[in-house]
Amino acid sequence: MIISVPSHTKPNTILHETGYSEYFGTGVGGLSIKSFFGGQAFYEVGRNRYRVGNGTHLILNQGQSYTIRISADKPVESFCIFFAKGFAEQVYQGLTMPHILDNSFQSEPSFHFFEKTYYPDDLLTPTILQIHAGIKNQQMLVGWLEEKMQRLMAHLLQVHFNVYREVELLPALRPATRQALYRNLHYARDYAIALFNTPVTLAELADVACMSPNHLVRTFKQVFGQTPHQFIISKRLEEAQRLLLQSGESITEICLDVGFESLGTFSSLFHRRFGVSPTAFRQQNGDFQEAFPHKTIYN
């Protein structure tokens, strides 16, 4: 379903589709926010990789080409919002210069957003969920959608400026260097998240980040508090925890699904992280496997 939402510039567009358990496609669009419910989608943007779903969002800029792949055991719901060219500038003008009546930003977009995975927050997430609920329940009116799109863009601009505050904290002297460092570190982080259950190498991550392996390890830990290897292990254990609670897979199946090759290594790391073995963790939180042997629940 494609929904066109009027704006002062060109119409914004919302693409809402359900029923994809297997999908592959390519695209080039306007500034957009990608969201998915009931599963995950994988994006390739150049050499960068993104895993989107379970509350996360991906922001892609005007004219950015991408490849999308969905592979799941149940239909995944896609909810992608495409903003018209110049809409960000028009909303920014209304927020900062309300006395200006003409639209002086109609030509070329001047905002270039940081393309990375954005996690649930108090700005973007509530508005996206409100728009999603209104469309899904078929209770929205055109005027209501227009207002929500204005609010969503205002929040996206706020998130954008918040990111610049994060950039200012990076250990570099020149602003341009800090911005490049921020982008490259997040490219590596998103790549690690997208492929955490595969044998990702430090060389791969360093190539994505355009850094030497030593520089990546050092700066990655400075910014994210973990080395790339520690970060990947953490993501594997978090996913294992989710699967233990929400799937009927065996411990061995979960071990392999999240990227560990040794059950002993998995059990040891899990115990170190959560204080109990995988088996004890599942038993303490209810024997889901026995109650629902073939059911998987998605966040």
Protein backbone atom coordinates (compact mmCIF):
# COMPACT_ATOMS: atom_id res chain seq x y z
CA MET A 1 0.00 0.00 0.00
CA ILE A 2 1.34 3.41 -1.01
CA ILE A 3 0.00 6.48 0.78
CA SER A 4 0.64 9.97 -0.54
CA VAL A 5 0.67 12.72 2.09
CA PRO A 6 0.42 16.34 0.89
CA SER A 7 3.05 18.85 1.99
CA HIS A 8 4.05 22.41 1.17
CA THR A 9 6.65 21.03 -1.25
CA LYS A 10 5.89 17.75 -3.06
CA PRO A 11 3.89 14.92 -1.47
CA ASN A 12 5.57 12.70 1.09
CA THR A 13 5.04 8.96 0.64
CA ILE A 14 4.48 6.08 3.02
CA LEU A 15 5.08 2.54 1.77
CA HIS A 16 3.33 -0.06 3.95
CA GLU A 17 3.53 -3.71 2.95
CA THR A 18 2.90 -6.98 4.77
CA GLY A 19 3.41 -10.56 3.75
CA TYR A 20 7.08 -10.69 2.74
CA SER A 21 8.94 -13.66 4.15
CA GLU A 22 11.31 -13.73 1.17
CA TYR A 23 12.13 -10.57 -0.75
CA PHE A 24 15.01 -9.06 -2.69
CA GLY A 25 15.01 -5.70 -4.40
CA THR A 26 16.95 -2.56 -5.22
CA GLY A 27 15.93 1.06 -5.06
CA VAL A 28 16.83 4.73 -5.12
CA GLY A 29 14.57 7.11 -3.28
CA GLY A 30 14.22 10.32 -1.39
CA LEU A 31 15.24 10.91 2.19
CA SER A 32 13.63 8.02 4.05
CA ILE A 33 13.16 6.21 7.33
CA LYS A 34 13.05 2.41 7.05
CA SER A 35 11.20 0.44 9.75
CA PHE A 36 10.11 -3.20 9.97
CA PHE A 37 7.77 -5.09 12.28
CA GLY A 38 7.60 -8.81 13.03
CA GLY A 39 11.08 -9.45 11.68
CA GLN A 40 14.12 -7.87 10.12
CA ALA A 41 15.38 -6.65 6.77
CA PHE A 42 18.97 -6.39 5.56
CA TYR A 43 20.21 -3.42 3.58
CA GLU A 44 23.33 -3.06 1.49
CA VAL A 45 24.38 0.51 0.74
CA GLY A 46 27.67 0.36 -1.11
CA ARG A 47 29.96 -1.65 1.14
CA ASN A 48 27.90 -0.84 4.23
CA ARG A 49 25.46 -3.32 5.81
CA TYR A 50 22.45 -2.70 8.03
CA ARG A 51 20.12 -4.97 9.99
CA VAL A 52 16.77 -3.16 10.49
CA GLY A 53 13.87 -4.27 12.67
CA ASN A 54 12.82 -4.95 16.25
CA GLY A 55 12.45 -1.24 16.96
CA THR A 56 15.44 0.07 15.01
CA HIS A 57 15.23 2.45 12.06
CA LEU A 58 17.53 3.16 9.13
CA ILE A 59 17.80 6.64 7.63
CA LEU A 60 18.93 6.96 4.01
CA ASN A 61 19.53 10.25 2.24
CA GLN A 62 18.08 11.69 -0.95
CA GLY A 63 19.27 9.76 -4.01
CA GLN A 64 20.96 6.96 -2.07
CA SER A 65 20.85 3.61 -3.88
CA TYR A 66 20.42 0.43 -1.87
CA THR A 67 19.66 -3.27 -1.95
CA ILE A 68 17.17 -4.85 0.45
CA ARG A 69 16.77 -8.49 1.41
CA ILE A 70 14.20 -10.16 3.67
CA SER A 71 14.47 -13.80 4.67
CA ALA A 72 12.25 -14.95 7.52
CA ASP A 73 10.08 -17.86 8.60
CA LYS A 74 7.00 -15.63 8.83
CA PRO A 75 5.78 -12.52 6.96
CA VAL A 76 7.63 -9.30 7.79
CA GLU A 77 5.81 -5.96 7.79
CA SER A 78 7.66 -3.10 6.11
CA PHE A 79 6.89 0.52 6.96
CA CYS A 80 9.02 3.01 5.05
CA ILE A 81 8.49 6.75 5.02
CA PHE A 82 9.85 8.76 2.07
CA PHE A 83 10.14 12.52 2.45
CA ALA A 84 9.74 14.83 -0.53
CA LYS A 85 12.78 16.71 -1.77
CA GLY A 86 13.03 19.94 0.19
CA PHE A 87 10.63 18.88 2.95
CA ALA A 88 13.35 18.84 5.61
CA GLU A 89 14.39 22.37 4.66
CA GLN A 90 10.78 23.57 4.63
CA VAL A 91 10.13 22.21 8.14
CA TYR A 92 13.44 23.63 9.39
CA GLN A 93 12.50 27.02 7.96
CA GLY A 94 9.15 26.88 9.74
CA LEU A 95 10.85 26.04 13.03
CA THR A 96 13.60 28.63 12.86
CA MET A 97 12.21 31.42 10.65
CA PRO A 98 8.40 31.35 11.00
CA HIS A 99 8.13 34.94 9.80
CA ILE A 100 9.47 34.02 6.33
CA LEU A 101 6.54 33.38 4.01
CA ASP A 102 8.29 32.21 0.86
CA ASN A 103 9.94 28.82 0.49
CA SER A 104 13.60 29.62 -0.11
CA PHE A 105 14.78 25.99 0.10
CA GLN A 106 13.01 24.66 -2.97
CA SER A 107 16.14 24.03 -5.04
CA GLU A 108 18.65 21.52 -3.64
CA PRO A 109 18.50 19.79 -0.24
CA SER A 110 21.02 21.21 2.20
CA PHE A 111 20.61 18.60 4.95
CA HIS A 112 22.63 15.42 4.76
CA PHE A 113 21.67 13.07 7.57
CA PHE A 114 23.96 10.52 9.17
CA GLU A 115 23.15 7.16 7.60
CA LYS A 116 23.19 4.66 10.43
CA THR A 117 20.97 2.46 12.55
CA TYR A 118 18.88 4.51 14.96
CA TYR A 119 17.60 2.82 18.10
CA PRO A 120 14.29 3.37 19.92
CA ASP A 121 14.15 6.87 21.42
CA ASP A 122 11.71 9.47 22.74
CA LEU A 123 11.63 11.45 19.48
CA LEU A 124 11.38 9.39 16.30
CA THR A 125 9.99 6.15 17.68
CA PRO A 126 6.72 7.39 19.26
CA THR A 127 5.73 9.36 16.15
CA ILE A 128 6.58 6.50 13.77
CA LEU A 129 4.51 4.13 15.92
CA GLN A 130 1.58 6.59 15.98
CA ILE A 131 1.64 6.92 12.19
CA HIS A 132 1.98 3.15 11.80
CA ALA A 133 -0.95 2.48 14.15
CA GLY A 134 -3.15 5.07 12.43
CA ILE A 135 -2.52 3.60 8.99
CA LYS A 136 -2.79 -0.01 10.11
CA ASN A 137 -6.11 0.64 11.85
CA GLN A 138 -7.31 2.79 8.94
CA GLN A 139 -8.23 5.55 11.34
CA MET A 140 -6.05 8.36 9.96
CA LEU A 141 -7.29 11.47 8.16
CA VAL A 142 -5.25 13.41 5.61
CA GLY A 143 -4.89 16.41 7.91
CA TRP A 144 -3.82 14.18 10.79
CA LEU A 145 -1.17 12.52 8.63
CA GLU A 146 0.12 15.90 7.43
CA GLU A 147 0.58 17.05 11.00
CA LYS A 148 2.28 13.81 12.01
CA MET A 149 4.69 14.04 9.08
CA GLN A 150 5.56 17.59 10.07
CA ARG A 151 6.17 16.43 13.64
CA LEU A 152 8.22 13.46 12.47
CA MET A 153 10.50 15.67 10.38
CA ALA A 154 10.89 18.12 13.27
CA HIS A 155 11.98 15.20 15.45
CA LEU A 156 14.31 13.89 12.74
CA LEU A 157 15.98 17.30 12.59
CA GLN A 158 16.37 17.26 16.38
CA VAL A 159 17.95 13.81 16.20
CA HIS A 160 20.25 15.10 13.47
CA PHE A 161 21.47 17.97 15.64
CA ASN A 162 21.83 15.62 18.62
CA VAL A 163 24.14 13.48 16.51
CA TYR A 164 26.32 16.53 15.89
CA ARG A 165 26.63 16.92 19.66
CA GLU A 166 27.88 13.31 19.80
CA VAL A 167 30.32 14.10 16.99
CA GLU A 168 31.78 16.98 18.99
CA LEU A 169 32.82 14.54 21.72
CA LEU A 170 35.10 12.54 19.43
CA PRO A 171 38.88 12.79 19.84
CA ALA A 172 39.79 14.81 16.74
CA LEU A 173 40.81 18.40 16.21
CA ARG A 174 39.00 19.35 13.01
CA PRO A 175 35.16 19.19 12.69
CA ALA A 176 35.39 17.47 9.28
CA THR A 177 37.69 14.83 10.76
CA ARG A 178 35.30 14.20 13.66
CA GLN A 179 32.36 13.80 11.28
CA ALA A 180 34.26 11.34 9.08
CA LEU A 181 35.41 9.42 12.15
CA TYR A 182 31.85 9.25 13.50
CA ARG A 183 30.44 8.00 10.19
CA ASN A 184 33.18 5.43 9.70
CA LEU A 185 32.90 4.05 13.23
CA HIS A 186 29.14 3.67 12.84
CA TYR A 187 29.61 2.03 9.44
CA ALA A 188 31.78 -0.58 11.17
CA ARG A 189 29.34 -0.93 14.08
CA ASP A 190 26.32 -1.38 11.80
CA TYR A 191 28.27 -3.86 9.67
CA ALA A 192 29.07 -5.85 12.81
CA ILE A 193 25.41 -5.80 13.87
CA ALA A 194 24.20 -6.86 10.43
CA LEU A 195 26.61 -9.80 10.26
CA PHE A 196 27.13 -10.60 13.94
CA ASN A 197 26.16 -14.27 13.47
CA THR A 198 28.77 -14.80 10.75
CA PRO A 199 32.58 -14.99 11.08
CA VAL A 200 33.19 -11.24 10.65
CA THR A 201 36.89 -10.40 10.66
CA LEU A 202 38.65 -7.34 12.00
CA ALA A 203 40.07 -6.78 8.52
CA GLU A 204 36.53 -6.56 7.10
CA LEU A 205 35.45 -4.03 9.69
CA ALA A 206 38.59 -1.98 9.22
CA ASP A 207 37.99 -1.92 5.47
CA VAL A 208 34.41 -0.73 5.96
CA ALA A 209 35.62 1.97 8.36
CA CYS A 210 38.53 3.01 6.12
CA MET A 211 40.91 2.60 9.07
CA SER A 212 43.81 0.39 9.99
CA PRO A 213 42.80 -2.51 12.26
CA ASN A 214 44.78 -1.02 15.15
CA HIS A 215 43.15 2.39 14.76
CA LEU A 216 39.69 0.84 14.54
CA VAL A 217 40.14 -1.24 17.70
CA ARG A 218 41.42 1.76 19.64
CA THR A 219 38.79 4.30 18.52
CA PHE A 220 35.92 1.79 18.54
CA LYS A 221 36.60 1.06 22.21
CA GLN A 222 36.94 4.78 23.00
CA VAL A 223 33.53 5.54 21.51
CA PHE A 224 31.49 2.40 22.20
CA GLY A 225 33.21 1.07 25.31
CA GLN A 226 34.07 -2.30 23.71
CA THR A 227 36.46 -3.60 21.08
CA PRO A 228 34.81 -4.81 17.84
CA HIS A 229 35.26 -8.43 18.92
CA GLN A 230 33.73 -7.77 22.34
CA PHE A 231 30.85 -5.94 20.66
CA ILE A 232 30.09 -8.87 18.32
CA ILE A 233 30.19 -11.37 21.19
CA SER A 234 27.82 -9.12 23.14
CA LYS A 235 25.36 -9.00 20.22
CA ARG A 236 25.49 -12.79 19.87
CA LEU A 237 24.75 -13.28 23.56
CA GLU A 238 21.89 -10.76 23.49
CA GLU A 239 20.34 -12.54 20.52
CA ALA A 240 20.83 -15.90 22.24
CA GLN A 241 19.04 -14.53 25.31
CA ARG A 242 16.12 -13.42 23.12
CA LEU A 243 15.90 -16.79 21.37
CA LEU A 244 16.03 -18.68 24.66
CA LEU A 245 13.03 -16.68 25.84
CA GLN A 246 11.06 -16.45 22.61
CA SER A 247 11.80 -19.50 20.48
CA GLY A 248 11.47 -23.24 20.75
CA GLU A 249 14.94 -23.93 19.34
CA SER A 250 17.32 -26.19 21.22
CA ILE A 251 20.39 -24.79 22.98
CA THR A 252 22.62 -26.21 20.26
CA GLU A 253 20.50 -24.68 17.49
CA ILE A 254 20.61 -21.27 19.19
CA CYS A 255 24.36 -21.58 19.67
CA LEU A 256 24.86 -22.11 15.93
CA ASP A 257 22.21 -19.55 14.91
CA VAL A 258 23.95 -16.70 16.73
CA GLY A 259 27.35 -17.53 15.29
CA PHE A 260 29.16 -19.69 17.84
CA GLU A 261 30.83 -22.85 16.58
CA SER A 262 31.43 -24.43 20.00
CA LEU A 263 28.63 -25.20 22.45
CA GLY A 264 31.16 -25.14 25.28
CA THR A 265 32.38 -21.66 24.34
CA PHE A 266 28.81 -20.41 24.01
CA SER A 267 27.76 -21.80 27.39
CA SER A 268 30.86 -20.42 29.11
CA LEU A 269 30.42 -16.91 27.67
CA PHE A 270 26.69 -16.93 28.37
CA HIS A 271 27.29 -17.91 32.00
CA ARG A 272 29.92 -15.19 32.36
CA ARG A 273 27.52 -12.58 30.96
CA PHE A 274 24.24 -13.57 32.63
CA GLY A 275 25.39 -15.56 35.66
CA VAL A 276 23.66 -18.81 34.66
CA SER A 277 23.95 -21.40 31.91
CA PRO A 278 21.68 -21.16 28.84
CA THR A 279 19.66 -24.12 30.11
CA ALA A 280 19.21 -22.62 33.57
CA PHE A 281 18.32 -19.25 32.08
CA ARG A 282 15.51 -20.79 30.03
CA GLN A 283 14.23 -22.79 33.01
CA GLN A 284 14.26 -19.80 35.34
CA ASN A 285 12.23 -17.77 32.86
CA GLY A 286 9.67 -20.48 32.08
CA ASP A 287 10.12 -23.55 29.96
CA PHE A 288 8.89 -21.92 26.76
CA GLN A 289 10.14 -24.76 24.60
CA GLU A 290 7.96 -27.31 26.36
CA ALA A 291 4.87 -25.10 26.29
CA PHE A 292 5.28 -23.86 22.70
CA PRO A 293 7.53 -26.34 20.88
CA HIS A 294 7.04 -24.89 17.39
CA LYS A 295 6.36 -21.24 18.04
CA THR A 296 8.62 -18.23 17.60
CA ILE A 297 7.68 -14.78 18.84
CA TYR A 298 9.21 -11.65 17.31
CA ASN A 299 9.64 -8.36 19.09
